[in-house]
């Protein structure tokens, strides 16, 4: 029994054709997803345009030029969500801003070349997220270094007020251990 061999040039051609067909299929799937996303965003944009005259009927509508939405940290709100989740997971313990900064750097794969860049990221991004969470009453600041500006801040998740039934359930769970 003789075995037939496919010539290398024909094998390459068939392999390349299959690879291109696979990429085209991937692009078609992405185009479909983006088409649905575009339809959704157009509906949201129209709804926002409809709401404007109801909120400010005396101020004429000015169509602002398009802006590129926030894509840092993988999308809008991802940094503050991760800070929130990190502090919530650490509760009842507190974390300082240096630890939070390091966790955010690792989670988002941020490359900070110098200590000045790390300090800027901590002050502008991490502390900004912490201040927003503090203003919303989700975290509490455990530090007050008025005369010592070089000290790091310490933050803790602030659990909401619990009902009497929730406190009783929590006490039972504590007793079970």
C-alpha atoms as a PDB file:
ATOM      1  CA  UNK A   1       0.000   0.000   0.000  1.00  0.00           C
ATOM      2  CA  UNK A   2       1.510   3.273  -1.064  1.00  0.00           C
ATOM      3  CA  UNK A   3       0.885   6.367   0.855  1.00  0.00           C
ATOM      4  CA  UNK A   4       0.196   9.613  -0.955  1.00  0.00           C
ATOM      5  CA  UNK A   5       1.884  12.725   0.301  1.00  0.00           C
ATOM      6  CA  UNK A   6       0.378  16.150  -0.103  1.00  0.00           C
ATOM      7  CA  UNK A   7       2.852  18.504  -1.700  1.00  0.00           C
ATOM      8  CA  UNK A   8       4.162  21.150   0.767  1.00  0.00           C
ATOM      9  CA  UNK A   9       3.034  24.094  -1.332  1.00  0.00           C
ATOM     10  CA  UNK A  10      -0.519  22.727  -1.504  1.00  0.00           C
ATOM     11  CA  UNK A  11      -0.474  21.999   2.241  1.00  0.00           C
ATOM     12  CA  UNK A  12       0.677  25.561   2.949  1.00  0.00           C
ATOM     13  CA  UNK A  13      -2.002  26.988   0.658  1.00  0.00           C
ATOM     14  CA  UNK A  14      -4.794  24.988   2.328  1.00  0.00           C
ATOM     15  CA  UNK A  15      -3.519  25.850   5.806  1.00  0.00           C
ATOM     16  CA  UNK A  16      -3.329  29.583   4.998  1.00  0.00           C
ATOM     17  CA  UNK A  17      -6.820  29.512   3.491  1.00  0.00           C
ATOM     18  CA  UNK A  18      -8.193  27.842   6.629  1.00  0.00           C
ATOM     19  CA  UNK A  19      -6.427  30.397   8.853  1.00  0.00           C
ATOM     20  CA  UNK A  20      -7.878  33.299   6.847  1.00  0.00           C
ATOM     21  CA  UNK A  21     -11.352  31.726   7.005  1.00  0.00           C
ATOM     22  CA  UNK A  22     -10.995  31.445  10.798  1.00  0.00           C
ATOM     23  CA  UNK A  23      -9.974  35.071  11.123  1.00  0.00           C
ATOM     24  CA  UNK A  24     -12.882  36.153   8.917  1.00  0.00           C
ATOM     25  CA  UNK A  25     -15.269  34.195  11.153  1.00  0.00           C
ATOM     26  CA  UNK A  26     -13.798  35.931  14.232  1.00  0.00           C
ATOM     27  CA  UNK A  27     -14.194  39.330  12.579  1.00  0.00           C
ATOM     28  CA  UNK A  28     -17.798  38.563  11.629  1.00  0.00           C
ATOM     29  CA  UNK A  29     -18.565  37.619  15.242  1.00  0.00           C
ATOM     30  CA  UNK A  30     -16.934  40.837  16.482  1.00  0.00           C
ATOM     31  CA  UNK A  31     -18.799  42.918  13.882  1.00  0.00           C
ATOM     32  CA  UNK A  32     -22.059  41.383  15.101  1.00  0.00           C
ATOM     33  CA  UNK A  33     -21.215  42.195  18.716  1.00  0.00           C
ATOM     34  CA  UNK A  34     -20.162  45.742  17.827  1.00  0.00           C
ATOM     35  CA  UNK A  35     -23.309  46.240  15.750  1.00  0.00           C
ATOM     36  CA  UNK A  36     -25.476  45.334  18.748  1.00  0.00           C
ATOM     37  CA  UNK A  37     -23.383  47.594  20.980  1.00  0.00           C
ATOM     38  CA  UNK A  38     -23.751  50.474  18.510  1.00  0.00           C
ATOM     39  CA  UNK A  39     -27.542  50.043  18.379  1.00  0.00           C
ATOM     40  CA  UNK A  40     -27.680  50.092  22.181  1.00  0.00           C
ATOM     41  CA  UNK A  41     -25.512  53.209  22.417  1.00  0.00           C
ATOM     42  CA  UNK A  42     -27.572  55.008  19.780  1.00  0.00           C
ATOM     43  CA  UNK A  43     -30.721  54.307  21.821  1.00  0.00           C
ATOM     44  CA  UNK A  44     -29.010  55.589  24.978  1.00  0.00           C
ATOM     45  CA  UNK A  45     -27.798  58.691  23.151  1.00  0.00           C
ATOM     46  CA  UNK A  46     -31.311  59.398  21.860  1.00  0.00           C
ATOM     47  CA  UNK A  47     -32.757  58.906  25.349  1.00  0.00           C
ATOM     48  CA  UNK A  48     -30.210  61.295  26.850  1.00  0.00           C
ATOM     49  CA  UNK A  49     -31.093  63.837  24.154  1.00  0.00           C
ATOM     50  CA  UNK A  50     -34.783  63.472  25.067  1.00  0.00           C
ATOM     51  CA  UNK A  51     -34.103  64.008  28.766  1.00  0.00           C
ATOM     52  CA  UNK A  52     -32.046  67.195  28.334  1.00  0.00           C
ATOM     53  CA  UNK A  53     -34.969  69.517  27.471  1.00  0.00           C
ATOM     54  CA  UNK A  54     -36.897  68.192  30.460  1.00  0.00           C
ATOM     55  CA  UNK A  55     -34.070  68.948  32.875  1.00  0.00           C
ATOM     56  CA  UNK A  56     -33.024  72.291  31.418  1.00  0.00           C
ATOM     57  CA  UNK A  57     -35.896  73.631  29.280  1.00  0.00           C
ATOM     58  CA  UNK A  58     -34.574  77.199  29.234  1.00  0.00           C
ATOM     59  CA  UNK A  59     -30.998  76.362  28.251  1.00  0.00           C
ATOM     60  CA  UNK A  60     -30.515  75.643  24.559  1.00  0.00           C
ATOM     61  CA  UNK A  61     -29.090  72.239  23.685  1.00  0.00           C
ATOM     62  CA  UNK A  62     -25.525  72.332  22.436  1.00  0.00           C
ATOM     63  CA  UNK A  63     -24.294  69.191  20.715  1.00  0.00           C
ATOM     64  CA  UNK A  64     -20.880  68.606  22.279  1.00  0.00           C
ATOM     65  CA  UNK A  65     -18.156  67.098  20.109  1.00  0.00           C
ATOM     66  CA  UNK A  66     -17.506  63.389  20.697  1.00  0.00           C
ATOM     67  CA  UNK A  67     -14.902  62.467  23.272  1.00  0.00           C
ATOM     68  CA  UNK A  68     -13.021  59.245  23.768  1.00  0.00           C
ATOM     69  CA  UNK A  69     -14.502  57.591  26.840  1.00  0.00           C
ATOM     70  CA  UNK A  70     -12.316  56.641  29.768  1.00  0.00           C
ATOM     71  CA  UNK A  71     -10.482  53.446  28.901  1.00  0.00           C
ATOM     72  CA  UNK A  72      -7.812  53.513  31.572  1.00  0.00           C
ATOM     73  CA  UNK A  73      -7.802  50.511  33.885  1.00  0.00           C
ATOM     74  CA  UNK A  74      -9.883  48.486  31.452  1.00  0.00           C
ATOM     75  CA  UNK A  75     -12.901  50.780  31.435  1.00  0.00           C
ATOM     76  CA  UNK A  76     -14.852  53.362  33.309  1.00  0.00           C
ATOM     77  CA  UNK A  77     -15.242  52.662  37.024  1.00  0.00           C
ATOM     78  CA  UNK A  78     -12.895  49.669  37.183  1.00  0.00           C
ATOM     79  CA  UNK A  79     -10.351  51.330  39.494  1.00  0.00           C
ATOM     80  CA  UNK A  80     -12.919  52.450  42.057  1.00  0.00           C
ATOM     81  CA  UNK A  81     -14.664  49.058  41.848  1.00  0.00           C
ATOM     82  CA  UNK A  82     -11.402  47.253  42.561  1.00  0.00           C
ATOM     83  CA  UNK A  83     -10.544  49.576  45.470  1.00  0.00           C
ATOM     84  CA  UNK A  84     -14.031  48.947  46.864  1.00  0.00           C
ATOM     85  CA  UNK A  85     -13.723  45.171  46.462  1.00  0.00           C
ATOM     86  CA  UNK A  86     -10.234  45.125  47.981  1.00  0.00           C
ATOM     87  CA  UNK A  87     -11.290  47.044  51.087  1.00  0.00           C
ATOM     88  CA  UNK A  88     -14.471  44.997  51.418  1.00  0.00           C
ATOM     89  CA  UNK A  89     -12.471  41.750  51.244  1.00  0.00           C
ATOM     90  CA  UNK A  90     -10.008  43.007  53.865  1.00  0.00           C
ATOM     91  CA  UNK A  91     -12.759  44.039  56.303  1.00  0.00           C
ATOM     92  CA  UNK A  92     -12.586  44.238  59.333  1.00  0.00           C
ATOM     93  CA  UNK A  93      -8.894  44.966  58.764  1.00  0.00           C
ATOM     94  CA  UNK A  94      -7.653  48.243  57.317  1.00  0.00           C
ATOM     95  CA  UNK A  95      -5.267  48.817  54.420  1.00  0.00           C
ATOM     96  CA  UNK A  96      -2.938  51.715  53.851  1.00  0.00           C
ATOM     97  CA  UNK A  97      -2.603  53.601  50.593  1.00  0.00           C
ATOM     98  CA  UNK A  98       0.795  52.049  49.820  1.00  0.00           C
ATOM     99  CA  UNK A  99      -0.659  48.526  49.937  1.00  0.00           C
ATOM    100  CA  UNK A 100      -3.714  49.587  47.929  1.00  0.00           C
ATOM    101  CA  UNK A 101      -1.490  51.257  45.344  1.00  0.00           C
ATOM    102  CA  UNK A 102       0.627  48.133  44.966  1.00  0.00           C
ATOM    103  CA  UNK A 103      -2.467  45.962  44.551  1.00  0.00           C
ATOM    104  CA  UNK A 104      -3.882  48.290  41.887  1.00  0.00           C
ATOM    105  CA  UNK A 105      -0.535  48.341  40.038  1.00  0.00           C
ATOM    106  CA  UNK A 106      -0.435  44.532  40.006  1.00  0.00           C
ATOM    107  CA  UNK A 107      -4.106  44.097  39.116  1.00  0.00           C
ATOM    108  CA  UNK A 108      -3.987  46.468  36.140  1.00  0.00           C
ATOM    109  CA  UNK A 109      -0.428  45.638  35.061  1.00  0.00           C
ATOM    110  CA  UNK A 110       0.678  49.269  35.300  1.00  0.00           C
ATOM    111  CA  UNK A 111       4.365  49.943  34.734  1.00  0.00           C
ATOM    112  CA  UNK A 112       5.645  52.707  36.991  1.00  0.00           C
ATOM    113  CA  UNK A 113       9.257  53.507  36.230  1.00  0.00           C
ATOM    114  CA  UNK A 114      10.074  55.731  39.173  1.00  0.00           C
ATOM    115  CA  UNK A 115       8.992  56.531  42.677  1.00  0.00           C
ATOM    116  CA  UNK A 116       7.660  59.867  41.406  1.00  0.00           C
ATOM    117  CA  UNK A 117       5.355  58.049  38.949  1.00  0.00           C
ATOM    118  CA  UNK A 118       4.209  55.725  41.744  1.00  0.00           C
ATOM    119  CA  UNK A 119       3.508  58.722  43.992  1.00  0.00           C
ATOM    120  CA  UNK A 120       1.543  60.470  41.209  1.00  0.00           C
ATOM    121  CA  UNK A 121      -0.520  57.331  40.586  1.00  0.00           C
ATOM    122  CA  UNK A 122      -1.209  56.951  44.328  1.00  0.00           C
ATOM    123  CA  UNK A 123      -2.176  60.603  44.803  1.00  0.00           C
ATOM    124  CA  UNK A 124      -4.155  61.116  41.599  1.00  0.00           C
ATOM    125  CA  UNK A 125      -5.820  57.757  41.027  1.00  0.00           C
ATOM    126  CA  UNK A 126      -5.902  55.643  44.188  1.00  0.00           C
ATOM    127  CA  UNK A 127      -6.539  58.521  46.582  1.00  0.00           C
ATOM    128  CA  UNK A 128      -9.121  59.942  44.179  1.00  0.00           C
ATOM    129  CA  UNK A 129     -11.006  56.646  44.293  1.00  0.00           C
ATOM    130  CA  UNK A 130     -10.693  56.513  48.091  1.00  0.00           C
ATOM    131  CA  UNK A 131     -12.000  60.071  48.437  1.00  0.00           C
ATOM    132  CA  UNK A 132     -15.025  59.250  46.270  1.00  0.00           C
ATOM    133  CA  UNK A 133     -15.758  56.141  48.316  1.00  0.00           C
ATOM    134  CA  UNK A 134     -15.328  58.159  51.527  1.00  0.00           C
ATOM    135  CA  UNK A 135     -17.711  60.852  50.278  1.00  0.00           C
ATOM    136  CA  UNK A 136     -20.276  58.129  49.504  1.00  0.00           C
ATOM    137  CA  UNK A 137     -19.877  56.743  53.035  1.00  0.00           C
ATOM    138  CA  UNK A 138     -18.534  53.377  51.846  1.00  0.00           C
ATOM    139  CA  UNK A 139     -15.096  53.594  53.489  1.00  0.00           C
ATOM    140  CA  UNK A 140     -13.736  55.273  56.560  1.00  0.00           C
ATOM    141  CA  UNK A 141     -10.441  57.034  57.030  1.00  0.00           C
ATOM    142  CA  UNK A 142      -8.596  55.833  60.110  1.00  0.00           C
ATOM    143  CA  UNK A 143      -5.838  58.416  60.001  1.00  0.00           C
ATOM    144  CA  UNK A 144      -5.517  62.088  60.738  1.00  0.00           C
ATOM    145  CA  UNK A 145      -1.941  63.164  60.167  1.00  0.00           C
ATOM    146  CA  UNK A 146      -2.356  66.932  60.127  1.00  0.00           C
ATOM    147  CA  UNK A 147       1.232  67.749  61.114  1.00  0.00           C
ATOM    148  CA  UNK A 148       2.895  64.754  59.468  1.00  0.00           C
ATOM    149  CA  UNK A 149       2.311  64.936  55.697  1.00  0.00           C
ATOM    150  CA  UNK A 150       4.619  62.030  54.814  1.00  0.00           C
ATOM    151  CA  UNK A 151       2.589  59.411  56.703  1.00  0.00           C
ATOM    152  CA  UNK A 152       0.465  57.042  54.632  1.00  0.00           C
ATOM    153  CA  UNK A 153      -3.297  56.994  54.977  1.00  0.00           C
ATOM    154  CA  UNK A 154      -5.141  54.024  56.433  1.00  0.00           C
ATOM    155  CA  UNK A 155      -8.585  53.054  55.108  1.00  0.00           C
ATOM    156  CA  UNK A 156     -11.219  50.496  56.041  1.00  0.00           C
ATOM    157  CA  UNK A 157     -14.474  49.285  54.533  1.00  0.00           C
ATOM    158  CA  UNK A 158     -17.421  50.787  56.370  1.00  0.00           C
ATOM    159  CA  UNK A 159     -20.189  48.222  56.605  1.00  0.00           C
ATOM    160  CA  UNK A 160     -23.721  49.542  56.378  1.00  0.00           C
ATOM    161  CA  UNK A 161     -25.966  49.627  59.389  1.00  0.00           C
ATOM    162  CA  UNK A 162     -27.386  46.221  60.119  1.00  0.00           C
ATOM    163  CA  UNK A 163     -30.903  45.420  61.165  1.00  0.00           C
ATOM    164  CA  UNK A 164     -31.564  43.640  64.443  1.00  0.00           C
ATOM    165  CA  UNK A 165     -32.236  40.388  62.565  1.00  0.00           C
ATOM    166  CA  UNK A 166     -28.944  40.706  60.677  1.00  0.00           C
ATOM    167  CA  UNK A 167     -27.060  41.371  63.924  1.00  0.00           C
ATOM    168  CA  UNK A 168     -28.664  38.306  65.511  1.00  0.00           C
ATOM    169  CA  UNK A 169     -27.738  36.155  62.498  1.00  0.00           C
ATOM    170  CA  UNK A 170     -24.188  37.486  62.626  1.00  0.00           C
ATOM    171  CA  UNK A 171     -23.959  36.706  66.363  1.00  0.00           C
ATOM    172  CA  UNK A 172     -25.220  33.160  65.769  1.00  0.00           C
ATOM    173  CA  UNK A 173     -22.661  32.659  63.036  1.00  0.00           C
ATOM    174  CA  UNK A 174     -19.907  33.891  65.391  1.00  0.00           C
ATOM    175  CA  UNK A 175     -21.045  31.488  68.120  1.00  0.00           C
ATOM    176  CA  UNK A 176     -21.029  28.574  65.667  1.00  0.00           C
ATOM    177  CA  UNK A 177     -17.279  28.956  65.222  1.00  0.00           C
END
